[in-house]
Amino acid sequence: MSALAAGSASTLPTSRAPSSLATGLGPRAALKKSGLQAMPQAERKQWIEEARIDAILGSSSASLKSMRSGICCFITFAGGALSAQGVDRACLFVTPSDSCQQGRKGYFPPNLDTLLAWSTLFRCRDTFSNYLNYVRTACLLVKASIEVGLCLAVFTRIRCQCMRMRSQVFQHPALKKAKCSIEKSGRFNKRERLWVQRCEARC
């Protein structure tokens, strides 16, 4: 998943067969069947990585094509569209002080301001929510933290204290506001349902 972390979504699978290792077996029997304990270290590491990906993508096997499309859309926006307009590339992503992976800059995890700007391209609230979930899945795939550091000012009778706390960027109240803005913009009109009428065949 290093290519995804660098901004290439072409390595994402569009289909993935679910793991059948535990079919009809308990966890201990499945462990014995896997042969994990007898594997060489390098092979065991590869097996664990594949199992980790199966655990993350297992519930999304039917929507992998849509997930890949959504992640490509975000990467194109964050890395291409804004940079082409002269926006500093470093401001698109979390700073080292805001990330658990200090010293690394990349597409994941995304900066809150980038997600808010991205939301203005959508006309349907549900589509934006789905795309946010795709980006969050990408963060899990590349092992990027989705927590950012927030500074909270607490006022007391004596003094004002600044507290550091961790929060998930995808659960930020500003994103909820962005979803409401999309919904109230009136840019999306639902299609009318088409009813197929049954006609009696007469001889």
N, C-alpha and C. Protein backbone atom coordinates (compact mmCIF):
# COMPACT_ATOMS: atom_id res chain seq x y z
N MET A 1 0.81 -1.22 0.00
CA MET A 1 0.00 0.00 0.00
C MET A 1 0.85 1.27 0.00
N SER A 2 2.16 1.11 -0.21
CA SER A 2 3.03 2.28 -0.23
C SER A 2 2.71 3.18 -1.43
N ALA A 3 2.28 2.57 -2.55
CA ALA A 3 1.92 3.37 -3.73
C ALA A 3 0.70 4.23 -3.45
N LEU A 4 -0.27 3.70 -2.70
CA LEU A 4 -1.46 4.46 -2.34
C LEU A 4 -1.08 5.63 -1.45
N ALA A 5 -0.19 5.41 -0.50
CA ALA A 5 0.24 6.49 0.38
C ALA A 5 0.94 7.60 -0.39
N ALA A 6 1.58 7.23 -1.50
CA ALA A 6 2.28 8.22 -2.32
C ALA A 6 1.36 8.92 -3.31
N GLY A 7 0.09 8.50 -3.37
CA GLY A 7 -0.86 9.19 -4.23
C GLY A 7 -1.26 8.43 -5.47
N SER A 8 -1.02 7.12 -5.53
CA SER A 8 -1.42 6.32 -6.68
C SER A 8 -2.47 5.31 -6.24
N ALA A 9 -3.71 5.50 -6.74
CA ALA A 9 -4.80 4.60 -6.39
C ALA A 9 -4.94 3.45 -7.37
N SER A 10 -4.04 3.38 -8.35
CA SER A 10 -4.14 2.32 -9.37
C SER A 10 -3.87 0.95 -8.79
N THR A 11 -3.21 0.90 -7.63
CA THR A 11 -2.92 -0.40 -7.01
C THR A 11 -4.09 -0.95 -6.22
N LEU A 12 -5.12 -0.14 -6.03
CA LEU A 12 -6.28 -0.62 -5.28
C LEU A 12 -7.04 -1.66 -6.08
N PRO A 13 -7.45 -2.76 -5.44
CA PRO A 13 -8.18 -3.79 -6.18
C PRO A 13 -9.61 -3.36 -6.46
N THR A 14 -10.14 -3.79 -7.59
CA THR A 14 -11.55 -3.54 -7.91
C THR A 14 -12.42 -4.73 -7.53
N SER A 15 -11.78 -5.84 -7.18
CA SER A 15 -12.50 -7.02 -6.68
C SER A 15 -11.54 -7.79 -5.80
N ARG A 16 -12.09 -8.41 -4.78
CA ARG A 16 -11.27 -9.17 -3.84
C ARG A 16 -12.11 -10.29 -3.26
N ALA A 17 -11.69 -11.52 -3.45
CA ALA A 17 -12.43 -12.67 -2.95
C ALA A 17 -12.32 -12.72 -1.43
N PRO A 18 -13.43 -12.96 -0.75
CA PRO A 18 -13.39 -13.04 0.71
C PRO A 18 -12.57 -14.23 1.18
N SER A 19 -11.95 -14.09 2.33
CA SER A 19 -11.14 -15.17 2.87
C SER A 19 -12.03 -16.33 3.32
N SER A 20 -11.65 -17.53 2.94
CA SER A 20 -12.42 -18.73 3.29
C SER A 20 -11.69 -19.57 4.32
N LEU A 21 -10.68 -19.01 4.97
CA LEU A 21 -9.86 -19.77 5.90
C LEU A 21 -10.67 -20.29 7.09
N ALA A 22 -11.58 -19.46 7.61
CA ALA A 22 -12.31 -19.82 8.82
C ALA A 22 -13.65 -20.48 8.54
N THR A 23 -13.92 -20.83 7.28
CA THR A 23 -15.20 -21.43 6.95
C THR A 23 -15.37 -22.77 7.65
N GLY A 24 -16.38 -22.87 8.49
CA GLY A 24 -16.69 -24.10 9.20
C GLY A 24 -15.69 -24.46 10.28
N LEU A 25 -14.82 -23.53 10.67
CA LEU A 25 -13.80 -23.81 11.67
C LEU A 25 -13.83 -22.77 12.77
N GLY A 26 -13.36 -23.18 13.94
CA GLY A 26 -13.14 -22.24 15.03
C GLY A 26 -11.81 -21.55 14.85
N PRO A 27 -11.51 -20.56 15.69
CA PRO A 27 -10.26 -19.81 15.52
C PRO A 27 -9.00 -20.66 15.67
N ARG A 28 -8.98 -21.61 16.60
CA ARG A 28 -7.79 -22.44 16.79
C ARG A 28 -7.59 -23.39 15.60
N ALA A 29 -8.70 -23.95 15.11
CA ALA A 29 -8.61 -24.85 13.95
C ALA A 29 -8.20 -24.08 12.70
N ALA A 30 -8.70 -22.83 12.56
CA ALA A 30 -8.32 -22.01 11.42
C ALA A 30 -6.84 -21.63 11.49
N LEU A 31 -6.34 -21.37 12.70
CA LEU A 31 -4.93 -21.06 12.87
C LEU A 31 -4.06 -22.24 12.46
N LYS A 32 -4.47 -23.43 12.85
CA LYS A 32 -3.72 -24.63 12.48
C LYS A 32 -3.74 -24.83 10.97
N LYS A 33 -4.89 -24.58 10.35
CA LYS A 33 -5.02 -24.74 8.91
C LYS A 33 -4.16 -23.74 8.15
N SER A 34 -4.00 -22.55 8.69
CA SER A 34 -3.21 -21.52 8.00
C SER A 34 -1.73 -21.86 7.93
N GLY A 35 -1.27 -22.66 8.88
CA GLY A 35 0.15 -22.99 8.91
C GLY A 35 1.03 -21.81 9.25
N LEU A 36 0.48 -20.81 9.94
CA LEU A 36 1.19 -19.57 10.21
C LEU A 36 2.44 -19.81 11.06
N GLN A 37 2.33 -20.68 12.04
CA GLN A 37 3.45 -20.88 12.96
C GLN A 37 4.66 -21.51 12.28
N ALA A 38 4.43 -22.24 11.20
CA ALA A 38 5.54 -22.90 10.51
C ALA A 38 6.10 -22.07 9.36
N MET A 39 5.53 -20.91 9.10
CA MET A 39 5.99 -20.08 7.99
C MET A 39 7.31 -19.39 8.32
N PRO A 40 8.15 -19.14 7.33
CA PRO A 40 9.32 -18.27 7.53
C PRO A 40 8.87 -16.87 7.91
N GLN A 41 9.76 -16.10 8.49
CA GLN A 41 9.39 -14.78 9.00
C GLN A 41 8.87 -13.86 7.90
N ALA A 42 9.53 -13.86 6.75
CA ALA A 42 9.10 -12.98 5.66
C ALA A 42 7.72 -13.39 5.14
N GLU A 43 7.49 -14.69 5.01
CA GLU A 43 6.19 -15.18 4.53
C GLU A 43 5.10 -14.91 5.55
N ARG A 44 5.45 -15.02 6.83
CA ARG A 44 4.48 -14.75 7.89
C ARG A 44 4.08 -13.28 7.90
N LYS A 45 5.06 -12.42 7.67
CA LYS A 45 4.79 -10.98 7.62
C LYS A 45 3.85 -10.65 6.46
N GLN A 46 4.08 -11.29 5.31
CA GLN A 46 3.23 -11.07 4.15
C GLN A 46 1.82 -11.58 4.39
N TRP A 47 1.70 -12.73 5.08
CA TRP A 47 0.39 -13.30 5.39
C TRP A 47 -0.40 -12.37 6.31
N ILE A 48 0.27 -11.82 7.30
CA ILE A 48 -0.39 -10.92 8.25
C ILE A 48 -0.86 -9.65 7.53
N GLU A 49 -0.06 -9.15 6.60
CA GLU A 49 -0.44 -7.95 5.85
C GLU A 49 -1.67 -8.21 4.98
N GLU A 50 -1.71 -9.37 4.31
CA GLU A 50 -2.87 -9.71 3.49
C GLU A 50 -4.11 -9.91 4.36
N ALA A 51 -3.93 -10.51 5.53
CA ALA A 51 -5.05 -10.70 6.44
C ALA A 51 -5.56 -9.37 6.97
N ARG A 52 -4.66 -8.42 7.19
CA ARG A 52 -5.06 -7.09 7.64
C ARG A 52 -5.91 -6.39 6.58
N ILE A 53 -5.49 -6.51 5.32
CA ILE A 53 -6.24 -5.90 4.22
C ILE A 53 -7.61 -6.58 4.07
N ASP A 54 -7.64 -7.91 4.23
CA ASP A 54 -8.92 -8.63 4.17
C ASP A 54 -9.88 -8.14 5.25
N ALA A 55 -9.34 -7.88 6.44
CA ALA A 55 -10.18 -7.41 7.55
C ALA A 55 -10.76 -6.03 7.27
N ILE A 56 -9.99 -5.17 6.58
CA ILE A 56 -10.45 -3.81 6.29
C ILE A 56 -11.42 -3.78 5.12
N LEU A 57 -11.11 -4.55 4.07
CA LEU A 57 -11.91 -4.50 2.84
C LEU A 57 -13.00 -5.56 2.78
N GLY A 58 -13.04 -6.45 3.75
CA GLY A 58 -14.02 -7.54 3.71
C GLY A 58 -15.46 -7.07 3.65
N SER A 59 -15.76 -5.99 4.35
CA SER A 59 -17.13 -5.49 4.36
C SER A 59 -17.44 -4.61 3.15
N SER A 60 -16.42 -4.32 2.32
CA SER A 60 -16.62 -3.42 1.17
C SER A 60 -16.37 -4.14 -0.15
N SER A 61 -16.44 -5.45 -0.14
CA SER A 61 -16.11 -6.21 -1.35
C SER A 61 -17.02 -5.88 -2.53
N ALA A 62 -18.26 -5.47 -2.24
CA ALA A 62 -19.21 -5.17 -3.31
C ALA A 62 -19.07 -3.74 -3.84
N SER A 63 -18.28 -2.91 -3.16
CA SER A 63 -18.17 -1.51 -3.57
C SER A 63 -16.72 -1.08 -3.77
N LEU A 64 -15.83 -2.02 -4.11
CA LEU A 64 -14.42 -1.68 -4.28
C LEU A 64 -14.19 -0.75 -5.47
N LYS A 65 -14.97 -0.92 -6.55
CA LYS A 65 -14.83 -0.03 -7.70
C LYS A 65 -15.20 1.40 -7.33
N SER A 66 -16.28 1.55 -6.57
CA SER A 66 -16.69 2.89 -6.14
C SER A 66 -15.67 3.48 -5.18
N MET A 67 -15.12 2.65 -4.30
CA MET A 67 -14.12 3.14 -3.36
C MET A 67 -12.88 3.63 -4.09
N ARG A 68 -12.44 2.88 -5.08
CA ARG A 68 -11.28 3.28 -5.86
C ARG A 68 -11.54 4.60 -6.59
N SER A 69 -12.75 4.76 -7.14
CA SER A 69 -13.10 5.99 -7.83
C SER A 69 -13.09 7.18 -6.87
N GLY A 70 -13.64 6.98 -5.67
CA GLY A 70 -13.68 8.06 -4.68
C GLY A 70 -12.30 8.47 -4.21
N ILE A 71 -11.42 7.50 -3.99
CA ILE A 71 -10.06 7.81 -3.55
C ILE A 71 -9.30 8.52 -4.67
N CYS A 72 -9.49 8.08 -5.91
CA CYS A 72 -8.85 8.77 -7.05
C CYS A 72 -9.31 10.22 -7.14
N CYS A 73 -10.59 10.44 -6.88
CA CYS A 73 -11.14 11.80 -6.92
C CYS A 73 -10.47 12.68 -5.87
N PHE A 74 -10.31 12.14 -4.66
CA PHE A 74 -9.68 12.93 -3.60
C PHE A 74 -8.22 13.22 -3.90
N ILE A 75 -7.49 12.20 -4.37
CA ILE A 75 -6.07 12.39 -4.67
C ILE A 75 -5.89 13.43 -5.77
N THR A 76 -6.75 13.37 -6.79
CA THR A 76 -6.67 14.35 -7.88
C THR A 76 -6.92 15.75 -7.37
N PHE A 77 -7.91 15.90 -6.48
CA PHE A 77 -8.22 17.22 -5.93
C PHE A 77 -7.09 17.73 -5.04
N ALA A 78 -6.66 16.90 -4.10
CA ALA A 78 -5.68 17.34 -3.11
C ALA A 78 -4.29 17.54 -3.71
N GLY A 79 -3.92 16.70 -4.67
CA GLY A 79 -2.57 16.77 -5.20
C GLY A 79 -2.42 17.50 -6.51
N GLY A 80 -3.53 17.61 -7.27
CA GLY A 80 -3.41 18.20 -8.59
C GLY A 80 -4.11 19.52 -8.75
N ALA A 81 -5.40 19.56 -8.46
CA ALA A 81 -6.18 20.76 -8.74
C ALA A 81 -5.68 21.97 -7.96
N LEU A 82 -5.45 21.81 -6.67
CA LEU A 82 -5.03 22.96 -5.87
C LEU A 82 -3.59 23.36 -6.16
N SER A 83 -2.72 22.36 -6.37
CA SER A 83 -1.33 22.69 -6.66
C SER A 83 -1.20 23.43 -7.98
N ALA A 84 -2.07 23.08 -8.95
CA ALA A 84 -2.03 23.76 -10.24
C ALA A 84 -2.43 25.23 -10.13
N GLN A 85 -3.15 25.57 -9.06
CA GLN A 85 -3.57 26.96 -8.86
C GLN A 85 -2.58 27.73 -7.98
N GLY A 86 -1.45 27.09 -7.69
CA GLY A 86 -0.42 27.79 -6.92
C GLY A 86 -0.58 27.68 -5.43
N VAL A 87 -1.45 26.80 -4.95
CA VAL A 87 -1.60 26.62 -3.51
C VAL A 87 -0.44 25.80 -3.00
N ASP A 88 0.13 26.19 -1.88
CA ASP A 88 1.26 25.48 -1.31
C ASP A 88 0.86 24.05 -1.00
N ARG A 89 1.61 23.10 -1.55
CA ARG A 89 1.29 21.68 -1.38
C ARG A 89 1.35 21.27 0.08
N ALA A 90 2.22 21.88 0.84
CA ALA A 90 2.38 21.49 2.24
C ALA A 90 1.15 21.82 3.06
N CYS A 91 0.35 22.80 2.63
CA CYS A 91 -0.81 23.20 3.42
C CYS A 91 -1.99 22.27 3.20
N LEU A 92 -1.87 21.34 2.25
CA LEU A 92 -2.99 20.46 1.95
C LEU A 92 -3.10 19.30 2.93
N PHE A 93 -2.06 19.05 3.67
CA PHE A 93 -2.02 17.87 4.51
C PHE A 93 -1.74 18.26 5.95
N VAL A 94 -1.91 17.33 6.86
CA VAL A 94 -1.68 17.63 8.27
C VAL A 94 -0.20 17.89 8.48
N THR A 95 0.09 18.78 9.40
CA THR A 95 1.47 19.06 9.74
C THR A 95 1.99 17.99 10.67
N PRO A 96 3.32 17.83 10.80
CA PRO A 96 3.85 16.80 11.66
C PRO A 96 3.35 16.89 13.09
N SER A 97 3.07 18.10 13.59
CA SER A 97 2.59 18.23 14.96
C SER A 97 1.15 17.75 15.11
N ASP A 98 0.42 17.64 14.00
CA ASP A 98 -0.97 17.21 14.06
C ASP A 98 -1.13 15.73 13.76
N SER A 99 -0.07 15.06 13.41
CA SER A 99 -0.16 13.67 13.01
C SER A 99 0.58 12.78 13.97
N CYS A 100 0.06 11.58 14.17
CA CYS A 100 0.76 10.60 14.99
C CYS A 100 2.01 10.11 14.29
N GLN A 101 2.06 10.22 12.97
CA GLN A 101 3.24 9.83 12.21
C GLN A 101 4.04 11.09 11.91
N GLN A 102 4.79 11.54 12.89
CA GLN A 102 5.50 12.81 12.76
C GLN A 102 6.58 12.73 11.70
N GLY A 103 6.76 13.85 11.00
CA GLY A 103 7.79 13.93 10.00
C GLY A 103 7.37 13.43 8.63
N ARG A 104 6.12 12.93 8.49
CA ARG A 104 5.68 12.40 7.20
C ARG A 104 4.60 13.29 6.63
N LYS A 105 4.73 13.61 5.37
CA LYS A 105 3.68 14.34 4.65
C LYS A 105 3.20 13.49 3.50
N GLY A 106 1.92 13.48 3.27
CA GLY A 106 1.38 12.67 2.20
C GLY A 106 -0.09 12.99 2.03
N TYR A 107 -0.77 12.14 1.31
CA TYR A 107 -2.19 12.37 1.04
C TYR A 107 -3.07 11.95 2.21
N PHE A 108 -2.57 11.06 3.03
CA PHE A 108 -3.36 10.52 4.13
C PHE A 108 -2.56 10.59 5.42
N PRO A 109 -3.21 11.02 6.50
CA PRO A 109 -4.60 11.46 6.61
C PRO A 109 -4.79 12.86 6.04
N PRO A 110 -5.99 13.19 5.61
CA PRO A 110 -6.24 14.50 5.00
C PRO A 110 -6.37 15.59 6.04
N ASN A 111 -6.10 16.79 5.61
CA ASN A 111 -6.30 17.97 6.44
C ASN A 111 -7.78 18.34 6.43
N LEU A 112 -8.29 18.84 7.54
CA LEU A 112 -9.70 19.21 7.63
C LEU A 112 -10.07 20.27 6.60
N ASP A 113 -9.21 21.27 6.42
CA ASP A 113 -9.50 22.33 5.45
C ASP A 113 -9.61 21.78 4.04
N THR A 114 -8.79 20.76 3.73
CA THR A 114 -8.85 20.15 2.40
C THR A 114 -10.18 19.45 2.19
N LEU A 115 -10.65 18.73 3.21
CA LEU A 115 -11.94 18.03 3.12
C LEU A 115 -13.09 19.01 2.97
N LEU A 116 -13.02 20.13 3.68
CA LEU A 116 -14.08 21.13 3.58
C LEU A 116 -14.11 21.76 2.19
N ALA A 117 -12.94 22.05 1.64
CA ALA A 117 -12.89 22.60 0.28
C ALA A 117 -13.38 21.57 -0.73
N TRP A 118 -13.04 20.31 -0.52
CA TRP A 118 -13.46 19.23 -1.40
C TRP A 118 -14.98 19.10 -1.42
N SER A 119 -15.61 19.36 -0.29
CA SER A 119 -17.06 19.18 -0.17
C SER A 119 -17.84 20.09 -1.11
N THR A 120 -17.25 21.22 -1.51
CA THR A 120 -17.96 22.16 -2.38
C THR A 120 -18.13 21.63 -3.80
N LEU A 121 -17.45 20.53 -4.13
CA LEU A 121 -17.58 19.94 -5.46
C LEU A 121 -18.77 18.99 -5.57
N PHE A 122 -19.43 18.72 -4.45
CA PHE A 122 -20.50 17.72 -4.44
C PHE A 122 -21.86 18.40 -4.43
N ARG A 123 -22.82 17.74 -5.09
CA ARG A 123 -24.19 18.24 -5.09
C ARG A 123 -25.13 17.33 -4.31
N CYS A 124 -24.61 16.17 -3.86
CA CYS A 124 -25.43 15.23 -3.09
C CYS A 124 -24.72 14.91 -1.78
N ARG A 125 -25.44 15.09 -0.68
CA ARG A 125 -24.87 14.85 0.65
C ARG A 125 -24.45 13.39 0.81
N ASP A 126 -25.26 12.46 0.34
CA ASP A 126 -24.96 11.04 0.51
C ASP A 126 -23.69 10.65 -0.25
N THR A 127 -23.50 11.23 -1.44
CA THR A 127 -22.29 10.94 -2.21
C THR A 127 -21.05 11.42 -1.47
N PHE A 128 -21.12 12.61 -0.90
CA PHE A 128 -19.98 13.14 -0.15
C PHE A 128 -19.70 12.28 1.08
N SER A 129 -20.73 11.82 1.76
CA SER A 129 -20.54 10.95 2.92
C SER A 129 -19.86 9.64 2.52
N ASN A 130 -20.29 9.08 1.39
CA ASN A 130 -19.66 7.85 0.91
C ASN A 130 -18.19 8.07 0.56
N TYR A 131 -17.89 9.19 -0.09
CA TYR A 131 -16.51 9.47 -0.48
C TYR A 131 -15.63 9.71 0.75
N LEU A 132 -16.18 10.32 1.78
CA LEU A 132 -15.44 10.49 3.02
C LEU A 132 -15.09 9.13 3.63
N ASN A 133 -16.03 8.20 3.57
CA ASN A 133 -15.77 6.85 4.08
C ASN A 133 -14.67 6.16 3.27
N TYR A 134 -14.65 6.42 1.96
CA TYR A 134 -13.60 5.83 1.13
C TYR A 134 -12.23 6.37 1.52
N VAL A 135 -12.14 7.67 1.76
CA VAL A 135 -10.87 8.27 2.16
C VAL A 135 -10.45 7.74 3.53
N ARG A 136 -11.41 7.56 4.42
CA ARG A 136 -11.08 7.00 5.74
C ARG A 136 -10.57 5.57 5.60
N THR A 137 -11.16 4.79 4.70
CA THR A 137 -10.67 3.44 4.46
C THR A 137 -9.25 3.46 3.92
N ALA A 138 -8.96 4.43 3.04
CA ALA A 138 -7.60 4.57 2.52
C ALA A 138 -6.60 4.85 3.64
N CYS A 139 -7.02 5.66 4.61
CA CYS A 139 -6.15 5.93 5.77
C CYS A 139 -5.84 4.65 6.53
N LEU A 140 -6.85 3.80 6.68
CA LEU A 140 -6.64 2.54 7.38
C LEU A 140 -5.71 1.62 6.58
N LEU A 141 -5.84 1.64 5.26
CA LEU A 141 -5.02 0.77 4.42
C LEU A 141 -3.55 1.15 4.49
N VAL A 142 -3.27 2.44 4.53
CA VAL A 142 -1.87 2.89 4.56
C VAL A 142 -1.36 3.11 5.98
N LYS A 143 -2.18 2.73 6.97
CA LYS A 143 -1.82 2.84 8.39
C LYS A 143 -1.55 4.29 8.79
N ALA A 144 -2.35 5.18 8.27
CA ALA A 144 -2.24 6.59 8.63
C ALA A 144 -3.24 6.90 9.73
N SER A 145 -2.82 7.63 10.71
CA SER A 145 -3.70 7.98 11.81
C SER A 145 -4.77 8.96 11.34
N ILE A 146 -5.99 8.76 11.79
CA ILE A 146 -7.08 9.68 11.45
C ILE A 146 -7.38 10.61 12.61
N GLU A 147 -6.47 10.64 13.59
CA GLU A 147 -6.61 11.54 14.72
C GLU A 147 -5.73 12.76 14.51
N VAL A 148 -6.25 13.92 14.86
CA VAL A 148 -5.48 15.16 14.76
C VAL A 148 -5.48 15.82 16.13
N GLY A 149 -4.44 16.58 16.39
CA GLY A 149 -4.35 17.27 17.67
C GLY A 149 -5.17 18.55 17.66
N LEU A 150 -5.96 18.75 18.69
CA LEU A 150 -6.76 19.96 18.83
C LEU A 150 -6.37 20.67 20.11
N CYS A 151 -6.37 21.97 20.06
CA CYS A 151 -6.06 22.78 21.23
C CYS A 151 -7.36 23.33 21.80
N LEU A 152 -7.67 22.97 23.03
CA LEU A 152 -8.93 23.37 23.66
C LEU A 152 -8.63 24.31 24.81
N ALA A 153 -9.20 25.51 24.75
CA ALA A 153 -9.00 26.50 25.81
C ALA A 153 -10.07 26.30 26.89
N VAL A 154 -9.62 26.15 28.12
CA VAL A 154 -10.52 25.97 29.26
C VAL A 154 -10.37 27.18 30.17
N PHE A 155 -11.47 27.91 30.35
CA PHE A 155 -11.43 29.12 31.17
C PHE A 155 -11.89 28.79 32.58
N THR A 156 -11.07 29.18 33.55
CA THR A 156 -11.42 29.02 34.95
C THR A 156 -11.43 30.40 35.62
N ARG A 157 -11.77 30.43 36.89
CA ARG A 157 -11.80 31.71 37.59
C ARG A 157 -10.41 32.30 37.77
N ILE A 158 -9.41 31.43 37.74
CA ILE A 158 -8.04 31.90 38.00
C ILE A 158 -7.32 32.23 36.70
N ARG A 159 -7.35 31.30 35.72
CA ARG A 159 -6.59 31.50 34.49
C ARG A 159 -7.20 30.66 33.37
N CYS A 160 -6.67 30.88 32.19
CA CYS A 160 -7.09 30.11 31.03
C CYS A 160 -6.06 29.03 30.75
N GLN A 161 -6.48 27.80 30.73
CA GLN A 161 -5.59 26.68 30.49
C GLN A 161 -5.83 26.11 29.10
N CYS A 162 -4.76 25.72 28.45
CA CYS A 162 -4.83 25.13 27.11
C CYS A 162 -4.61 23.63 27.22
N MET A 163 -5.56 22.86 26.74
CA MET A 163 -5.48 21.40 26.83
C MET A 163 -5.36 20.81 25.44
N ARG A 164 -4.48 19.83 25.30
CA ARG A 164 -4.34 19.11 24.05
C ARG A 164 -5.18 17.85 24.10
N MET A 165 -5.94 17.60 23.06
CA MET A 165 -6.76 16.41 23.00
C MET A 165 -6.73 15.87 21.57
N ARG A 166 -7.09 14.58 21.43
CA ARG A 166 -7.11 13.94 20.13
C ARG A 166 -8.54 13.83 19.63
N SER A 167 -8.73 14.04 18.35
CA SER A 167 -10.06 13.95 17.76
C SER A 167 -9.93 13.39 16.35
N GLN A 168 -10.95 12.67 15.90
CA GLN A 168 -10.96 12.14 14.54
C GLN A 168 -11.40 13.23 13.57
N VAL A 169 -10.59 13.44 12.53
CA VAL A 169 -10.89 14.50 11.58
C VAL A 169 -12.20 14.24 10.87
N PHE A 170 -12.56 12.96 10.65
CA PHE A 170 -13.78 12.64 9.92
C PHE A 170 -15.04 12.86 10.77
N GLN A 171 -14.88 13.07 12.06
CA GLN A 171 -16.01 13.32 12.93
C GLN A 171 -16.07 14.78 13.38
N HIS A 172 -15.33 15.62 12.72
CA HIS A 172 -15.28 17.04 13.10
C HIS A 172 -16.63 17.70 12.82
N PRO A 173 -17.08 18.56 13.71
CA PRO A 173 -18.38 19.25 13.51
C PRO A 173 -18.43 20.05 12.21
N ALA A 174 -17.29 20.52 11.74
CA ALA A 174 -17.28 21.31 10.50
C ALA A 174 -17.71 20.46 9.30
N LEU A 175 -17.38 19.17 9.31
CA LEU A 175 -17.80 18.30 8.22
C LEU A 175 -19.31 18.07 8.26
N LYS A 176 -19.89 18.04 9.44
CA LYS A 176 -21.34 17.93 9.54
C LYS A 176 -22.01 19.18 8.94
N LYS A 177 -21.39 20.33 9.21
CA LYS A 177 -21.89 21.58 8.62
C LYS A 177 -21.77 21.54 7.10
N ALA A 178 -20.67 20.98 6.61
CA ALA A 178 -20.47 20.90 5.17
C ALA A 178 -21.54 20.02 4.52
N LYS A 179 -21.88 18.92 5.17
CA LYS A 179 -22.92 18.04 4.64
C LYS A 179 -24.26 18.75 4.60
N CYS A 180 -24.56 19.52 5.64
CA CYS A 180 -25.81 20.29 5.65
C CYS A 180 -25.82 21.35 4.55
N SER A 181 -24.65 21.95 4.31
CA SER A 181 -24.56 22.96 3.25
C SER A 181 -24.83 22.34 1.89
N ILE A 182 -24.31 21.14 1.66
CA ILE A 182 -24.56 20.45 0.40
C ILE A 182 -26.04 20.16 0.24
N GLU A 183 -26.65 19.68 1.32
CA GLU A 183 -28.07 19.30 1.27
C GLU A 183 -28.97 20.51 1.01
N LYS A 184 -28.62 21.66 1.60
CA LYS A 184 -29.46 22.85 1.47
C LYS A 184 -29.11 23.70 0.26
N SER A 185 -28.09 23.29 -0.47
CA SER A 185 -27.70 24.08 -1.64
C SER A 185 -28.70 23.96 -2.78
N GLY A 186 -29.48 22.87 -2.79
CA GLY A 186 -30.47 22.67 -3.84
C GLY A 186 -29.89 22.26 -5.17
N ARG A 187 -28.63 21.78 -5.15
CA ARG A 187 -28.00 21.39 -6.41
C ARG A 187 -28.38 19.97 -6.85
N PHE A 188 -28.99 19.22 -5.95
CA PHE A 188 -29.33 17.83 -6.26
C PHE A 188 -30.83 17.65 -6.30
N ASN A 189 -31.32 17.11 -7.38
CA ASN A 189 -32.74 16.81 -7.53
C ASN A 189 -32.91 15.31 -7.73
N LYS A 190 -33.68 14.72 -6.86
CA LYS A 190 -33.91 13.29 -6.99
C LYS A 190 -34.75 12.98 -8.21
N ARG A 191 -34.41 11.89 -8.85
CA ARG A 191 -35.18 11.47 -10.02
C ARG A 191 -36.53 10.91 -9.58
N GLU A 192 -37.51 11.20 -10.40
CA GLU A 192 -38.82 10.64 -10.11
C GLU A 192 -38.83 9.14 -10.39
N ARG A 193 -39.54 8.43 -9.55
CA ARG A 193 -39.61 6.99 -9.73
C ARG A 193 -40.45 6.65 -10.97
N LEU A 194 -39.97 5.72 -11.71
CA LEU A 194 -40.68 5.27 -12.90
C LEU A 194 -41.40 3.97 -12.57
N TRP A 195 -42.70 4.02 -12.67
CA TRP A 195 -43.51 2.85 -12.34
C TRP A 195 -43.86 2.11 -13.62
N VAL A 196 -43.60 0.83 -13.60
CA VAL A 196 -43.96 -0.02 -14.74
C VAL A 196 -45.33 -0.60 -14.50
N GLN A 197 -46.25 -0.26 -15.35
CA GLN A 197 -47.62 -0.75 -15.18
C GLN A 197 -47.81 -2.09 -15.87
N ARG A 198 -48.53 -2.90 -15.19
CA ARG A 198 -48.83 -4.21 -15.76
C ARG A 198 -50.13 -4.13 -16.59
N CYS A 199 -50.03 -4.59 -17.77
CA CYS A 199 -51.22 -4.58 -18.66
C CYS A 199 -51.70 -6.01 -18.87
N GLU A 200 -53.00 -6.17 -18.77
CA GLU A 200 -53.56 -7.51 -18.95
C GLU A 200 -53.56 -7.86 -20.45
N ALA A 201 -53.08 -9.00 -20.74
CA ALA A 201 -53.06 -9.45 -22.13
C ALA A 201 -54.42 -10.04 -22.49
N ARG A 202 -54.98 -9.52 -23.52
CA ARG A 202 -56.29 -10.00 -23.93
C ARG A 202 -56.16 -10.76 -25.26
N CYS A 203 -56.82 -11.88 -25.32
CA CYS A 203 -56.79 -12.68 -26.55
C CYS A 203 -57.83 -12.17 -27.52
